[in-house]
Amino acid sequence: MASRPKPLKPKVKSEKSGKKSPSTKKTATPPSAKTPSKASRSSPKRPSAVKNIPRSSQARQPQTVIPIVGIGASAGGLEPFEEFFTRMSCDSGLAFVVVPHQSPSHTSLLPGLLQKCTTMPVLEVADGLAVKPDTVYLALAGKNLALLNGRLQLMEPALQDRLPLPIDYFFRSLAEDQTHRAIGIILSGTGSDVALV
């Protein structure tokens, strides 16, 4: 007997006809899709509260130093005072403190005489007066004059001082307050004041 032909098995089609089954090959994961590291997971740094201020604004501006010139003369020093201020420039930036050696009972004509010799203001010293440049200050008779932090101070002479020495007193105070910036001028005259300077 002749053998029967075997029946053909029907081909099984994919559920989605015309499409190939997804490939099982592994694809490279892009860097952006990778799991963030521990460093990237941490919270972002907060901005510092300290602002970057320029050094020029942080630095303090140096204070302007006014050169102070002390001028002393004994009883016969009127003419040297006049000659000095007649020749002195009125815009030198200096401050002048004139300390004449005179009796408290004597009426001084020095303010009016010096004002005729210069265009700078000529002022009699008041207690606590701040020194300004291009100005002439006249010490008062019978008072000691001191300088403290650039301000003129009127001091009562000590009772034990039989012989007043206002020029010596002021020059010492000027040197202590202004140190190496102090300028002292001794004009001609008579008397024992300025002998200790």
Protein backbone atom coordinates (compact mmCIF):
# COMPACT_ATOMS: atom_id res chain seq x y z
CA MET A 1 0.00 0.00 0.00
CA ALA A 2 1.11 3.49 -0.78
CA SER A 3 1.87 5.69 2.25
CA ARG A 4 -0.23 8.78 2.82
CA PRO A 5 1.42 12.15 2.56
CA LYS A 6 2.02 13.90 5.89
CA PRO A 7 -0.21 16.93 6.46
CA LEU A 8 1.59 20.32 6.51
CA LYS A 9 1.73 22.16 9.85
CA PRO A 10 0.22 25.63 9.70
CA LYS A 11 2.69 28.46 10.26
CA VAL A 12 2.11 30.37 13.50
CA LYS A 13 2.03 34.07 12.85
CA SER A 14 3.02 36.70 15.36
CA GLU A 15 0.28 38.56 17.19
CA LYS A 16 1.29 41.69 15.37
CA SER A 17 1.50 40.76 11.80
CA GLY A 18 4.20 42.35 9.76
CA LYS A 19 6.32 43.28 12.78
CA LYS A 20 9.34 41.53 14.01
CA SER A 21 9.62 40.50 17.60
CA PRO A 22 11.58 42.94 19.73
CA SER A 23 15.29 42.41 19.72
CA THR A 24 16.87 41.10 22.83
CA LYS A 25 20.09 43.03 22.25
CA LYS A 26 21.10 45.42 25.05
CA THR A 27 21.43 49.09 24.15
CA ALA A 28 23.80 51.53 25.85
CA THR A 29 22.15 53.78 28.38
CA PRO A 30 22.79 57.47 27.68
CA PRO A 31 24.78 59.33 30.39
CA SER A 32 21.81 61.52 31.26
CA ALA A 33 19.68 58.49 32.05
CA LYS A 34 22.18 56.97 34.47
CA THR A 35 21.40 56.85 38.16
CA PRO A 36 22.77 60.03 39.81
CA SER A 37 25.77 59.55 42.01
CA LYS A 38 25.90 60.40 45.71
CA ALA A 39 27.58 63.70 44.97
CA SER A 40 24.85 64.76 42.57
CA ARG A 41 22.12 63.66 44.96
CA SER A 42 23.34 66.04 47.66
CA SER A 43 21.53 69.34 48.01
CA PRO A 44 22.99 72.28 46.10
CA LYS A 45 25.32 74.62 48.00
CA ARG A 46 23.71 77.71 49.41
CA PRO A 47 25.18 81.03 48.27
CA SER A 48 27.49 82.63 50.78
CA ALA A 49 26.01 85.49 52.78
CA VAL A 50 29.27 87.44 52.56
CA LYS A 51 29.33 89.62 49.50
CA ASN A 52 32.50 90.32 47.63
CA ILE A 53 33.15 93.93 48.60
CA PRO A 54 36.02 95.66 46.84
CA ARG A 55 39.06 96.14 49.02
CA SER A 56 39.11 99.82 48.23
CA SER A 57 35.73 100.29 49.93
CA GLN A 58 36.65 98.07 52.88
CA ALA A 59 39.80 99.97 53.66
CA ARG A 60 39.32 103.03 55.74
CA GLN A 61 40.34 106.27 54.22
CA PRO A 62 43.28 107.75 56.01
CA GLN A 63 42.51 110.91 57.95
CA THR A 64 44.06 114.14 56.76
CA VAL A 65 46.93 115.21 59.00
CA ILE A 66 47.29 118.97 59.52
CA PRO A 67 50.86 120.06 60.27
CA ILE A 68 50.80 122.28 63.35
CA VAL A 69 53.50 124.89 63.84
CA GLY A 70 54.12 126.25 67.32
CA ILE A 71 55.72 129.70 67.39
CA GLY A 72 57.05 131.16 70.60
CA ALA A 73 58.66 134.47 71.44
CA SER A 74 59.32 136.25 74.66
CA ALA A 75 58.44 139.82 75.52
CA GLY A 76 60.47 141.40 72.74
CA GLY A 77 59.21 139.17 69.91
CA LEU A 78 56.59 141.41 68.31
CA GLU A 79 58.63 142.47 65.30
CA PRO A 80 59.79 138.90 64.47
CA PHE A 81 56.12 137.80 64.53
CA GLU A 82 55.18 140.50 62.04
CA GLU A 83 58.11 139.72 59.75
CA PHE A 84 57.39 136.00 59.82
CA PHE A 85 53.71 136.28 58.82
CA THR A 86 54.39 138.96 56.24
CA ARG A 87 56.61 136.49 54.37
CA MET A 88 54.53 133.36 55.09
CA SER A 89 52.24 132.01 52.38
CA CYS A 90 48.53 132.11 53.23
CA ASP A 91 47.74 128.74 51.60
CA SER A 92 50.55 126.51 52.87
CA GLY A 93 48.15 124.06 54.55
CA LEU A 94 49.83 124.67 57.91
CA ALA A 95 48.20 125.70 61.17
CA PHE A 96 50.07 128.23 63.32
CA VAL A 97 49.80 128.51 67.11
CA VAL A 98 51.43 131.68 68.43
CA VAL A 99 52.40 131.63 72.11
CA PRO A 100 53.83 134.97 73.25
CA HIS A 101 55.27 135.40 76.71
CA GLN A 102 53.28 138.30 78.12
CA SER A 103 51.76 139.40 81.39
CA PRO A 104 48.05 138.62 82.02
CA SER A 105 47.49 142.22 83.05
CA HIS A 106 48.85 143.50 79.74
CA THR A 107 46.38 144.28 76.95
CA SER A 108 47.72 142.53 73.88
CA LEU A 109 47.70 144.30 70.53
CA LEU A 110 49.02 141.21 68.79
CA PRO A 111 45.72 140.02 67.19
CA GLY A 112 45.19 143.27 65.31
CA LEU A 113 48.86 143.63 64.36
CA LEU A 114 49.16 140.10 62.97
CA GLN A 115 45.92 140.39 61.02
CA LYS A 116 47.49 143.30 59.10
CA CYS A 117 50.41 141.04 58.13
CA THR A 118 48.48 138.09 56.72
CA THR A 119 45.24 137.19 54.96
CA MET A 120 44.88 134.06 57.12
CA PRO A 121 42.27 134.23 59.90
CA VAL A 122 43.82 135.24 63.23
CA LEU A 123 41.84 133.79 66.14
CA GLU A 124 42.26 133.90 69.88
CA VAL A 125 42.23 130.40 71.32
CA ALA A 126 39.02 129.05 72.85
CA ASP A 127 38.92 125.88 74.93
CA GLY A 128 38.38 122.77 72.78
CA LEU A 129 38.93 124.59 69.50
CA ALA A 130 39.78 122.23 66.61
CA VAL A 131 42.87 123.21 64.65
CA LYS A 132 42.32 124.00 60.96
CA PRO A 133 44.85 124.62 58.21
CA ASP A 134 45.82 128.10 57.02
CA THR A 135 44.77 129.65 60.34
CA VAL A 136 46.68 131.52 63.05
CA TYR A 137 45.78 130.86 66.69
CA LEU A 138 46.86 133.17 69.52
CA ALA A 139 47.32 131.85 73.03
CA LEU A 140 45.72 133.82 75.87
CA ALA A 141 47.87 135.53 78.46
CA GLY A 142 47.76 133.96 81.92
CA LYS A 143 46.74 130.51 80.58
CA ASN A 144 48.74 127.48 79.65
CA LEU A 145 47.89 126.06 76.25
CA ALA A 146 47.90 122.34 75.45
CA LEU A 147 47.12 120.25 72.38
CA LEU A 148 45.10 117.04 72.65
CA ASN A 149 44.04 115.06 69.56
CA GLY A 150 44.30 118.14 67.37
CA ARG A 151 42.26 120.35 69.70
CA LEU A 152 43.53 123.29 71.73
CA GLN A 153 42.93 123.13 75.47
CA LEU A 154 43.22 126.04 77.93
CA MET A 155 44.84 125.00 81.21
CA GLU A 156 45.20 126.87 84.49
CA PRO A 157 48.84 127.29 85.54
CA ALA A 158 49.84 125.32 88.61
CA LEU A 159 49.99 127.33 91.84
CA GLN A 160 53.57 126.25 92.49
CA ASP A 161 54.73 127.71 89.18
CA ARG A 162 56.15 131.05 90.35
CA LEU A 163 57.46 131.84 86.89
CA PRO A 164 54.96 131.02 84.11
CA LEU A 165 56.50 129.29 81.10
CA PRO A 166 53.65 129.06 78.56
CA ILE A 167 55.92 128.50 75.56
CA ASP A 168 57.71 125.57 77.17
CA TYR A 169 54.35 124.14 78.28
CA PHE A 170 52.81 124.28 74.80
CA PHE A 171 55.89 122.97 72.99
CA ARG A 172 56.01 119.91 75.22
CA SER A 173 52.30 119.28 74.66
CA LEU A 174 52.73 119.77 70.91
CA ALA A 175 55.55 117.21 70.81
CA GLU A 176 53.54 114.65 72.80
CA ASP A 177 50.44 115.02 70.63
CA GLN A 178 52.03 115.32 67.19
CA THR A 179 55.26 113.35 67.84
CA HIS A 180 57.50 113.48 64.74
CA ARG A 181 55.05 115.79 62.94
CA ALA A 182 55.48 118.59 65.48
CA ILE A 183 57.08 121.82 64.23
CA GLY A 184 58.49 124.39 66.65
CA ILE A 185 59.86 127.85 65.89
CA ILE A 186 61.57 130.04 68.45
CA LEU A 187 61.76 133.73 67.52
CA SER A 188 64.04 136.29 69.10
CA GLY A 189 63.08 137.92 72.34
CA THR A 190 64.09 138.32 75.93
CA GLY A 191 63.26 136.34 79.04
CA SER A 192 63.83 132.81 80.36
CA ASP A 193 60.84 131.14 78.66
CA VAL A 194 61.73 128.65 75.89
CA ALA A 195 65.03 127.98 77.68
CA LEU A 196 63.96 124.39 78.45
CA VAL A 197 62.81 123.49 74.93
